[in-house]
Amino acid sequence: LSSLLTVNDASFNDLGLSQLYMVSLHFQLDFPSQVFPLAHMQSELLAAFKSQEATPSELQRDVAASLTRIGWNHSFEFETPEGLSLDMSQPETKTAIEVDGPSHFLIGNIVQRTENGRTKFKSRLLCQLGWTVFHVPYFEWNVLADAMVQESYLQIKLTNRYTIEEGQSTKTA
């Protein structure tokens, strides 16, 4: 562990530093009384994490438009104080909607789609930070016939309040 104290940002590319930022956030949440071994690089880790910003997709814009039509006022591409980007959110209630395109899932069995590690890890971090997260997977959204069906889908999803707990959806109310 002491060798980690000599690690610097030149040892990693931006993607590696970005991943280390998420690990550092996890470490801070799970072990608040401990000092993260790479704490001396925190500002570099955060800068690299923020540099990995994703460009909103047409799918995200479609979901956002449907949310607006059903009266769910939201911030688009909201950034939490910890630097996590949320597709759509109501920060005052810590409620978020994450639109999950194909890159959020493991490649393989299309019958049983599995979220990839990064998506699960982000959901876990958001849960630990007190957020309620709703996921809108592309394969569910893409089969919805029209705007009215999309709006109904979102209303049902938002009515059945789910939270992410250890990567599993559990009904809370």
N, C-alpha and C. Protein backbone atom coordinates (compact mmCIF):
# COMPACT_ATOMS: atom_id res chain seq x y z
N LEU A 1 0.81 -1.19 0.00
CA LEU A 1 0.00 0.00 0.00
C LEU A 1 0.85 1.26 0.00
N SER A 2 1.97 1.24 0.68
CA SER A 2 2.80 2.43 0.73
C SER A 2 3.32 2.81 -0.65
N SER A 3 3.44 1.84 -1.56
CA SER A 3 3.90 2.16 -2.91
C SER A 3 2.88 3.00 -3.67
N LEU A 4 1.61 2.96 -3.26
CA LEU A 4 0.59 3.78 -3.92
C LEU A 4 0.82 5.26 -3.66
N LEU A 5 1.50 5.59 -2.59
CA LEU A 5 1.75 6.99 -2.28
C LEU A 5 2.71 7.63 -3.27
N THR A 6 3.47 6.83 -3.98
CA THR A 6 4.41 7.37 -4.96
C THR A 6 3.83 7.40 -6.37
N VAL A 7 2.62 6.90 -6.54
CA VAL A 7 1.96 6.91 -7.84
C VAL A 7 1.56 8.35 -8.17
N ASN A 8 1.71 8.73 -9.44
CA ASN A 8 1.26 10.05 -9.86
C ASN A 8 0.41 9.93 -11.11
N ASP A 9 -0.17 11.06 -11.52
CA ASP A 9 -1.10 11.01 -12.64
C ASP A 9 -0.43 10.67 -13.96
N ALA A 10 0.88 10.78 -14.05
CA ALA A 10 1.59 10.41 -15.28
C ALA A 10 1.58 8.89 -15.48
N SER A 11 1.26 8.14 -14.43
CA SER A 11 1.23 6.68 -14.50
C SER A 11 -0.01 6.15 -15.23
N PHE A 12 -1.01 7.01 -15.46
CA PHE A 12 -2.30 6.58 -16.02
C PHE A 12 -2.75 7.52 -17.12
N ASN A 13 -3.58 7.00 -18.03
CA ASN A 13 -4.24 7.88 -19.00
C ASN A 13 -5.52 8.41 -18.35
N ASP A 14 -6.25 9.28 -19.06
CA ASP A 14 -7.46 9.88 -18.48
C ASP A 14 -8.52 8.85 -18.12
N LEU A 15 -8.65 7.81 -18.94
CA LEU A 15 -9.64 6.78 -18.63
C LEU A 15 -9.28 6.08 -17.32
N GLY A 16 -8.02 5.74 -17.14
CA GLY A 16 -7.57 5.10 -15.90
C GLY A 16 -7.76 6.00 -14.69
N LEU A 17 -7.43 7.28 -14.84
CA LEU A 17 -7.63 8.24 -13.75
C LEU A 17 -9.11 8.39 -13.43
N SER A 18 -9.94 8.39 -14.47
CA SER A 18 -11.38 8.50 -14.29
C SER A 18 -11.92 7.31 -13.49
N GLN A 19 -11.45 6.12 -13.82
CA GLN A 19 -11.88 4.93 -13.10
C GLN A 19 -11.39 4.97 -11.65
N LEU A 20 -10.19 5.47 -11.45
CA LEU A 20 -9.67 5.59 -10.08
C LEU A 20 -10.50 6.59 -9.27
N TYR A 21 -11.03 7.62 -9.94
CA TYR A 21 -11.89 8.57 -9.23
C TYR A 21 -13.11 7.86 -8.66
N MET A 22 -13.75 7.01 -9.48
CA MET A 22 -14.93 6.28 -9.00
C MET A 22 -14.57 5.36 -7.84
N VAL A 23 -13.40 4.75 -7.91
CA VAL A 23 -12.94 3.89 -6.81
C VAL A 23 -12.71 4.74 -5.57
N SER A 24 -12.14 5.93 -5.74
CA SER A 24 -11.89 6.80 -4.58
C SER A 24 -13.21 7.23 -3.94
N LEU A 25 -14.22 7.53 -4.76
CA LEU A 25 -15.52 7.90 -4.23
C LEU A 25 -16.13 6.73 -3.45
N HIS A 26 -16.04 5.54 -4.02
CA HIS A 26 -16.52 4.34 -3.33
C HIS A 26 -15.79 4.17 -1.99
N PHE A 27 -14.48 4.34 -2.00
CA PHE A 27 -13.67 4.21 -0.79
C PHE A 27 -14.13 5.21 0.27
N GLN A 28 -14.36 6.46 -0.14
CA GLN A 28 -14.80 7.50 0.80
C GLN A 28 -16.15 7.16 1.41
N LEU A 29 -17.05 6.59 0.60
CA LEU A 29 -18.38 6.25 1.10
C LEU A 29 -18.39 5.02 1.98
N ASP A 30 -17.60 4.02 1.63
CA ASP A 30 -17.58 2.77 2.39
C ASP A 30 -16.64 2.80 3.60
N PHE A 31 -15.63 3.63 3.53
CA PHE A 31 -14.63 3.70 4.60
C PHE A 31 -14.35 5.16 4.97
N PRO A 32 -15.35 5.87 5.49
CA PRO A 32 -15.20 7.31 5.72
C PRO A 32 -14.10 7.69 6.71
N SER A 33 -13.74 6.79 7.60
CA SER A 33 -12.70 7.13 8.58
C SER A 33 -11.29 6.83 8.07
N GLN A 34 -11.19 6.27 6.88
CA GLN A 34 -9.89 5.93 6.30
C GLN A 34 -9.47 6.96 5.25
N VAL A 35 -8.17 7.03 4.99
CA VAL A 35 -7.66 7.91 3.95
C VAL A 35 -7.38 7.07 2.72
N PHE A 36 -7.97 7.46 1.60
CA PHE A 36 -7.77 6.74 0.34
C PHE A 36 -6.30 6.82 -0.03
N PRO A 37 -5.67 5.70 -0.38
CA PRO A 37 -4.23 5.70 -0.67
C PRO A 37 -3.80 6.68 -1.77
N LEU A 38 -4.70 7.02 -2.67
CA LEU A 38 -4.35 7.97 -3.73
C LEU A 38 -4.97 9.35 -3.48
N ALA A 39 -5.23 9.66 -2.21
CA ALA A 39 -5.85 10.94 -1.86
C ALA A 39 -5.02 12.12 -2.35
N HIS A 40 -3.72 11.95 -2.45
CA HIS A 40 -2.85 13.03 -2.93
C HIS A 40 -3.10 13.38 -4.40
N MET A 41 -3.85 12.53 -5.09
CA MET A 41 -4.16 12.75 -6.50
C MET A 41 -5.63 13.11 -6.73
N GLN A 42 -6.37 13.39 -5.67
CA GLN A 42 -7.82 13.57 -5.79
C GLN A 42 -8.21 14.60 -6.84
N SER A 43 -7.55 15.75 -6.88
CA SER A 43 -7.94 16.77 -7.85
C SER A 43 -7.67 16.31 -9.29
N GLU A 44 -6.58 15.58 -9.50
CA GLU A 44 -6.28 15.06 -10.84
C GLU A 44 -7.29 13.98 -11.24
N LEU A 45 -7.68 13.15 -10.26
CA LEU A 45 -8.66 12.11 -10.54
C LEU A 45 -10.00 12.72 -10.93
N LEU A 46 -10.43 13.74 -10.17
CA LEU A 46 -11.70 14.39 -10.46
C LEU A 46 -11.66 15.09 -11.82
N ALA A 47 -10.57 15.75 -12.13
CA ALA A 47 -10.44 16.43 -13.43
C ALA A 47 -10.53 15.43 -14.58
N ALA A 48 -9.87 14.30 -14.43
CA ALA A 48 -9.92 13.27 -15.48
C ALA A 48 -11.33 12.70 -15.59
N PHE A 49 -11.99 12.50 -14.45
CA PHE A 49 -13.35 11.97 -14.45
C PHE A 49 -14.28 12.92 -15.19
N LYS A 50 -14.17 14.21 -14.90
CA LYS A 50 -15.03 15.20 -15.55
C LYS A 50 -14.72 15.33 -17.03
N SER A 51 -13.49 15.03 -17.43
CA SER A 51 -13.13 15.14 -18.85
C SER A 51 -13.74 14.01 -19.68
N GLN A 52 -14.26 12.98 -19.04
CA GLN A 52 -14.85 11.83 -19.73
C GLN A 52 -16.33 12.04 -20.02
N GLU A 53 -16.77 13.30 -20.07
CA GLU A 53 -18.18 13.59 -20.28
C GLU A 53 -18.72 12.93 -21.53
N ALA A 54 -19.90 12.37 -21.40
CA ALA A 54 -20.57 11.75 -22.54
C ALA A 54 -21.45 12.78 -23.23
N THR A 55 -21.62 12.62 -24.51
CA THR A 55 -22.52 13.48 -25.27
C THR A 55 -23.92 12.88 -25.19
N PRO A 56 -24.92 13.71 -24.83
CA PRO A 56 -26.28 13.17 -24.75
C PRO A 56 -26.72 12.57 -26.08
N SER A 57 -27.39 11.44 -26.00
CA SER A 57 -27.83 10.73 -27.20
C SER A 57 -29.24 11.17 -27.59
N GLU A 58 -29.63 10.79 -28.79
CA GLU A 58 -31.00 11.05 -29.26
C GLU A 58 -31.99 10.31 -28.36
N LEU A 59 -31.62 9.13 -27.90
CA LEU A 59 -32.47 8.37 -26.98
C LEU A 59 -32.70 9.16 -25.70
N GLN A 60 -31.64 9.75 -25.14
CA GLN A 60 -31.79 10.56 -23.93
C GLN A 60 -32.71 11.75 -24.18
N ARG A 61 -32.54 12.39 -25.32
CA ARG A 61 -33.38 13.54 -25.66
C ARG A 61 -34.85 13.13 -25.79
N ASP A 62 -35.09 11.96 -26.38
CA ASP A 62 -36.47 11.46 -26.52
C ASP A 62 -37.10 11.21 -25.15
N VAL A 63 -36.35 10.58 -24.25
CA VAL A 63 -36.86 10.31 -22.90
C VAL A 63 -37.11 11.63 -22.18
N ALA A 64 -36.18 12.58 -22.30
CA ALA A 64 -36.34 13.89 -21.65
C ALA A 64 -37.60 14.60 -22.15
N ALA A 65 -37.84 14.54 -23.46
CA ALA A 65 -39.04 15.18 -24.03
C ALA A 65 -40.31 14.53 -23.48
N SER A 66 -40.31 13.22 -23.36
CA SER A 66 -41.48 12.52 -22.81
C SER A 66 -41.69 12.89 -21.34
N LEU A 67 -40.60 13.00 -20.60
CA LEU A 67 -40.72 13.41 -19.19
C LEU A 67 -41.32 14.80 -19.08
N THR A 68 -40.91 15.69 -19.96
CA THR A 68 -41.45 17.05 -19.96
C THR A 68 -42.95 17.02 -20.27
N ARG A 69 -43.35 16.19 -21.23
CA ARG A 69 -44.77 16.10 -21.59
C ARG A 69 -45.64 15.58 -20.44
N ILE A 70 -45.08 14.71 -19.60
CA ILE A 70 -45.90 14.20 -18.47
C ILE A 70 -45.77 15.09 -17.24
N GLY A 71 -45.02 16.19 -17.37
CA GLY A 71 -44.92 17.14 -16.27
C GLY A 71 -43.86 16.82 -15.23
N TRP A 72 -42.92 15.95 -15.57
CA TRP A 72 -41.84 15.62 -14.64
C TRP A 72 -40.70 16.61 -14.91
N ASN A 73 -40.72 17.72 -14.16
CA ASN A 73 -39.70 18.75 -14.35
C ASN A 73 -38.36 18.20 -13.92
N HIS A 74 -37.35 18.44 -14.74
CA HIS A 74 -36.05 17.83 -14.47
C HIS A 74 -34.91 18.69 -15.01
N SER A 75 -33.75 18.40 -14.48
CA SER A 75 -32.50 18.96 -15.01
C SER A 75 -31.93 17.92 -15.96
N PHE A 76 -31.43 18.38 -17.08
CA PHE A 76 -30.84 17.50 -18.08
C PHE A 76 -29.33 17.52 -17.89
N GLU A 77 -28.71 16.34 -17.82
CA GLU A 77 -27.27 16.20 -17.61
C GLU A 77 -26.82 16.94 -16.35
N PHE A 78 -27.49 16.66 -15.26
CA PHE A 78 -27.14 17.26 -13.96
C PHE A 78 -25.89 16.60 -13.41
N GLU A 79 -25.02 17.41 -12.82
CA GLU A 79 -23.81 16.88 -12.19
C GLU A 79 -23.94 16.98 -10.67
N THR A 80 -23.80 15.85 -9.99
CA THR A 80 -23.88 15.84 -8.53
C THR A 80 -22.65 16.55 -7.96
N PRO A 81 -22.69 16.95 -6.70
CA PRO A 81 -21.51 17.57 -6.09
C PRO A 81 -20.26 16.68 -6.16
N GLU A 82 -20.48 15.37 -6.24
CA GLU A 82 -19.36 14.43 -6.32
C GLU A 82 -18.83 14.28 -7.75
N GLY A 83 -19.52 14.91 -8.71
CA GLY A 83 -19.06 14.87 -10.10
C GLY A 83 -19.74 13.84 -10.97
N LEU A 84 -20.70 13.08 -10.43
CA LEU A 84 -21.41 12.08 -11.23
C LEU A 84 -22.46 12.77 -12.10
N SER A 85 -22.49 12.41 -13.36
CA SER A 85 -23.44 13.00 -14.30
C SER A 85 -24.70 12.14 -14.37
N LEU A 86 -25.85 12.80 -14.26
CA LEU A 86 -27.14 12.11 -14.32
C LEU A 86 -27.86 12.56 -15.58
N ASP A 87 -28.41 11.62 -16.31
CA ASP A 87 -29.09 11.96 -17.56
C ASP A 87 -30.21 12.97 -17.32
N MET A 88 -31.13 12.63 -16.43
CA MET A 88 -32.20 13.52 -16.03
C MET A 88 -32.38 13.39 -14.53
N SER A 89 -32.67 14.50 -13.87
CA SER A 89 -32.82 14.39 -12.42
C SER A 89 -33.68 15.51 -11.85
N GLN A 90 -34.16 15.24 -10.66
CA GLN A 90 -34.78 16.24 -9.81
C GLN A 90 -33.89 16.31 -8.57
N PRO A 91 -32.88 17.20 -8.60
CA PRO A 91 -31.90 17.25 -7.51
C PRO A 91 -32.52 17.47 -6.14
N GLU A 92 -33.61 18.25 -6.08
CA GLU A 92 -34.21 18.55 -4.78
C GLU A 92 -34.78 17.31 -4.10
N THR A 93 -35.16 16.29 -4.88
CA THR A 93 -35.67 15.05 -4.30
C THR A 93 -34.67 13.90 -4.46
N LYS A 94 -33.53 14.21 -5.06
CA LYS A 94 -32.49 13.20 -5.33
C LYS A 94 -33.08 12.02 -6.11
N THR A 95 -33.83 12.34 -7.15
CA THR A 95 -34.42 11.34 -8.04
C THR A 95 -33.78 11.49 -9.41
N ALA A 96 -33.35 10.38 -9.99
CA ALA A 96 -32.68 10.44 -11.28
C ALA A 96 -33.22 9.39 -12.24
N ILE A 97 -33.13 9.71 -13.51
CA ILE A 97 -33.43 8.75 -14.57
C ILE A 97 -32.18 8.60 -15.40
N GLU A 98 -31.72 7.37 -15.51
CA GLU A 98 -30.56 7.05 -16.33
C GLU A 98 -31.06 6.29 -17.56
N VAL A 99 -30.73 6.81 -18.73
CA VAL A 99 -31.11 6.16 -19.98
C VAL A 99 -29.94 5.28 -20.39
N ASP A 100 -30.18 4.00 -20.45
CA ASP A 100 -29.10 3.03 -20.68
C ASP A 100 -29.13 2.51 -22.11
N GLY A 101 -28.21 3.01 -22.92
CA GLY A 101 -28.04 2.53 -24.29
C GLY A 101 -27.26 1.23 -24.32
N PRO A 102 -26.96 0.74 -25.52
CA PRO A 102 -26.26 -0.55 -25.66
C PRO A 102 -24.93 -0.63 -24.92
N SER A 103 -24.21 0.49 -24.79
CA SER A 103 -22.90 0.45 -24.13
C SER A 103 -23.00 0.22 -22.63
N HIS A 104 -24.20 0.24 -22.07
CA HIS A 104 -24.40 0.00 -20.64
C HIS A 104 -24.60 -1.48 -20.32
N PHE A 105 -24.58 -2.32 -21.35
CA PHE A 105 -24.86 -3.75 -21.15
C PHE A 105 -23.73 -4.61 -21.69
N LEU A 106 -23.57 -5.78 -21.08
CA LEU A 106 -22.59 -6.74 -21.56
C LEU A 106 -23.02 -7.28 -22.91
N ILE A 107 -22.06 -7.54 -23.75
CA ILE A 107 -22.35 -8.13 -25.06
C ILE A 107 -22.56 -9.62 -24.85
N GLY A 108 -23.54 -10.16 -25.53
CA GLY A 108 -23.79 -11.60 -25.39
C GLY A 108 -25.25 -11.90 -25.55
N ASN A 109 -25.80 -12.57 -24.57
CA ASN A 109 -27.18 -13.05 -24.61
C ASN A 109 -28.17 -11.88 -24.69
N ILE A 110 -28.86 -11.74 -25.82
CA ILE A 110 -29.81 -10.63 -25.95
C ILE A 110 -31.14 -10.91 -25.25
N VAL A 111 -31.36 -12.14 -24.84
CA VAL A 111 -32.59 -12.48 -24.12
C VAL A 111 -32.49 -12.00 -22.68
N GLN A 112 -31.35 -12.20 -22.07
CA GLN A 112 -31.13 -11.78 -20.68
C GLN A 112 -30.00 -10.76 -20.68
N ARG A 113 -30.36 -9.49 -20.81
CA ARG A 113 -29.35 -8.43 -20.86
C ARG A 113 -28.86 -8.14 -19.45
N THR A 114 -27.55 -7.96 -19.31
CA THR A 114 -26.93 -7.71 -18.02
C THR A 114 -26.19 -6.39 -18.07
N GLU A 115 -26.47 -5.52 -17.08
CA GLU A 115 -25.75 -4.25 -17.01
C GLU A 115 -24.26 -4.53 -16.83
N ASN A 116 -23.43 -3.68 -17.43
CA ASN A 116 -21.99 -3.85 -17.26
C ASN A 116 -21.56 -3.31 -15.89
N GLY A 117 -20.33 -3.58 -15.55
CA GLY A 117 -19.81 -3.21 -14.24
C GLY A 117 -19.84 -1.72 -13.97
N ARG A 118 -19.49 -0.92 -14.96
CA ARG A 118 -19.47 0.54 -14.76
C ARG A 118 -20.88 1.05 -14.43
N THR A 119 -21.88 0.56 -15.15
CA THR A 119 -23.26 1.00 -14.91
C THR A 119 -23.73 0.57 -13.52
N LYS A 120 -23.45 -0.67 -13.15
CA LYS A 120 -23.83 -1.16 -11.81
C LYS A 120 -23.11 -0.37 -10.72
N PHE A 121 -21.82 -0.10 -10.94
CA PHE A 121 -21.03 0.61 -9.93
C PHE A 121 -21.55 2.03 -9.75
N LYS A 122 -21.86 2.71 -10.84
CA LYS A 122 -22.40 4.07 -10.75
C LYS A 122 -23.73 4.06 -10.00
N SER A 123 -24.59 3.10 -10.29
CA SER A 123 -25.88 2.99 -9.60
C SER A 123 -25.67 2.77 -8.11
N ARG A 124 -24.72 1.94 -7.78
CA ARG A 124 -24.42 1.68 -6.36
C ARG A 124 -23.94 2.95 -5.66
N LEU A 125 -23.04 3.69 -6.32
CA LEU A 125 -22.55 4.94 -5.73
C LEU A 125 -23.70 5.92 -5.53
N LEU A 126 -24.57 6.05 -6.53
CA LEU A 126 -25.69 6.98 -6.41
C LEU A 126 -26.61 6.58 -5.26
N CYS A 127 -26.86 5.30 -5.09
CA CYS A 127 -27.68 4.81 -3.98
C CYS A 127 -27.02 5.19 -2.65
N GLN A 128 -25.72 4.98 -2.56
CA GLN A 128 -25.01 5.32 -1.33
C GLN A 128 -25.07 6.82 -1.04
N LEU A 129 -25.19 7.61 -2.09
CA LEU A 129 -25.28 9.06 -1.94
C LEU A 129 -26.72 9.53 -1.70
N GLY A 130 -27.66 8.58 -1.61
CA GLY A 130 -29.04 8.91 -1.28
C GLY A 130 -29.96 9.14 -2.46
N TRP A 131 -29.52 8.81 -3.66
CA TRP A 131 -30.33 9.00 -4.86
C TRP A 131 -31.24 7.80 -5.10
N THR A 132 -32.43 8.07 -5.63
CA THR A 132 -33.31 7.05 -6.17
C THR A 132 -33.11 7.09 -7.68
N VAL A 133 -32.77 5.95 -8.27
CA VAL A 133 -32.43 5.90 -9.69
C VAL A 133 -33.41 4.99 -10.43
N PHE A 134 -33.95 5.51 -11.52
CA PHE A 134 -34.80 4.75 -12.42
C PHE A 134 -34.01 4.54 -13.70
N HIS A 135 -34.00 3.33 -14.20
CA HIS A 135 -33.28 3.03 -15.45
C HIS A 135 -34.27 2.85 -16.59
N VAL A 136 -33.94 3.44 -17.72
CA VAL A 136 -34.72 3.27 -18.94
C VAL A 136 -33.81 2.61 -19.96
N PRO A 137 -33.86 1.28 -20.06
CA PRO A 137 -33.01 0.57 -21.02
C PRO A 137 -33.49 0.78 -22.46
N TYR A 138 -32.54 0.92 -23.36
CA TYR A 138 -32.85 1.17 -24.77
C TYR A 138 -33.77 0.11 -25.37
N PHE A 139 -33.60 -1.16 -24.96
CA PHE A 139 -34.39 -2.23 -25.56
C PHE A 139 -35.85 -2.21 -25.09
N GLU A 140 -36.12 -1.58 -23.95
CA GLU A 140 -37.51 -1.39 -23.53
C GLU A 140 -38.10 -0.17 -24.24
N TRP A 141 -37.32 0.91 -24.31
CA TRP A 141 -37.80 2.16 -24.90
C TRP A 141 -38.07 2.00 -26.40
N ASN A 142 -37.17 1.31 -27.09
CA ASN A 142 -37.26 1.22 -28.55
C ASN A 142 -38.48 0.46 -29.06
N VAL A 143 -39.12 -0.33 -28.21
CA VAL A 143 -40.31 -1.07 -28.66
C VAL A 143 -41.61 -0.33 -28.36
N LEU A 144 -41.51 0.82 -27.71
CA LEU A 144 -42.72 1.59 -27.39
C LEU A 144 -43.21 2.30 -28.65
N ALA A 145 -44.46 2.05 -29.00
CA ALA A 145 -44.99 2.42 -30.32
C ALA A 145 -45.07 3.92 -30.60
N ASP A 146 -45.49 4.70 -29.61
CA ASP A 146 -45.68 6.13 -29.88
C ASP A 146 -45.53 6.92 -28.59
N ALA A 147 -45.70 8.24 -28.70
CA ALA A 147 -45.49 9.14 -27.56
C ALA A 147 -46.40 8.80 -26.38
N MET A 148 -47.64 8.42 -26.65
CA MET A 148 -48.56 8.11 -25.56
C MET A 148 -48.10 6.87 -24.80
N VAL A 149 -47.63 5.87 -25.49
CA VAL A 149 -47.14 4.65 -24.84
C VAL A 149 -45.86 4.96 -24.06
N GLN A 150 -44.99 5.78 -24.62
CA GLN A 150 -43.76 6.17 -23.92
C GLN A 150 -44.08 6.91 -22.63
N GLU A 151 -45.03 7.82 -22.70
CA GLU A 151 -45.43 8.58 -21.51
C GLU A 151 -46.02 7.67 -20.45
N SER A 152 -46.85 6.73 -20.85
CA SER A 152 -47.43 5.76 -19.90
C SER A 152 -46.33 4.94 -19.24
N TYR A 153 -45.37 4.49 -20.04
CA TYR A 153 -44.23 3.70 -19.54
C TYR A 153 -43.51 4.48 -18.44
N LEU A 154 -43.23 5.76 -18.70
CA LEU A 154 -42.50 6.57 -17.71
C LEU A 154 -43.35 6.83 -16.47
N GLN A 155 -44.64 7.08 -16.65
CA GLN A 155 -45.50 7.29 -15.49
C GLN A 155 -45.55 6.06 -14.60
N ILE A 156 -45.64 4.89 -15.20
CA ILE A 156 -45.65 3.64 -14.43
C ILE A 156 -44.31 3.46 -13.71
N LYS A 157 -43.23 3.70 -14.42
CA LYS A 157 -41.90 3.54 -13.83
C LYS A 157 -41.72 4.48 -12.64
N LEU A 158 -42.15 5.72 -12.79
CA LEU A 158 -41.99 6.71 -11.72
C LEU A 158 -42.97 6.47 -10.57
N THR A 159 -44.11 5.87 -10.85
CA THR A 159 -45.08 5.57 -9.80
C THR A 159 -44.60 4.42 -8.92
N ASN A 160 -44.00 3.41 -9.54
CA ASN A 160 -43.45 2.27 -8.80
C ASN A 160 -42.04 2.63 -8.38
N ARG A 161 -41.90 3.26 -7.23
CA ARG A 161 -40.60 3.77 -6.79
C ARG A 161 -39.63 2.63 -6.52
N TYR A 162 -38.55 2.63 -7.31
CA TYR A 162 -37.50 1.63 -7.14
C TYR A 162 -36.22 2.32 -6.76
N THR A 163 -35.42 1.66 -5.92
CA THR A 163 -34.09 2.17 -5.62
C THR A 163 -33.09 1.09 -5.99
N ILE A 164 -31.88 1.51 -6.19
CA ILE A 164 -30.81 0.58 -6.53
C ILE A 164 -30.08 0.23 -5.24
N GLU A 165 -29.97 -1.04 -5.00
CA GLU A 165 -29.30 -1.50 -3.80
C GLU A 165 -28.40 -2.65 -4.19
N GLU A 166 -27.12 -2.43 -4.12
CA GLU A 166 -26.15 -3.46 -4.49
C GLU A 166 -26.41 -3.98 -5.90
N GLY A 167 -26.81 -3.06 -6.80
CA GLY A 167 -27.01 -3.45 -8.19
C GLY A 167 -28.34 -4.12 -8.47
N GLN A 168 -29.20 -4.25 -7.47
CA GLN A 168 -30.50 -4.91 -7.66
C GLN A 168 -31.60 -3.87 -7.45
N SER A 169 -32.65 -3.93 -8.25
CA SER A 169 -33.80 -3.06 -8.05
C SER A 169 -34.69 -3.67 -6.99
N THR A 170 -35.07 -2.87 -6.02
CA THR A 170 -35.98 -3.34 -4.98
C THR A 170 -37.08 -2.31 -4.81
N LYS A 171 -38.30 -2.77 -4.71
CA LYS A 171 -39.44 -1.86 -4.56
C LYS A 171 -39.41 -1.26 -3.16
N THR A 172 -39.62 0.08 -3.08
CA THR A 172 -39.60 0.73 -1.78
C THR A 172 -40.96 1.25 -1.35
N ALA A 173 -41.84 1.54 -2.29
CA ALA A 173 -43.17 2.02 -1.90
C ALA A 173 -44.11 1.99 -3.07
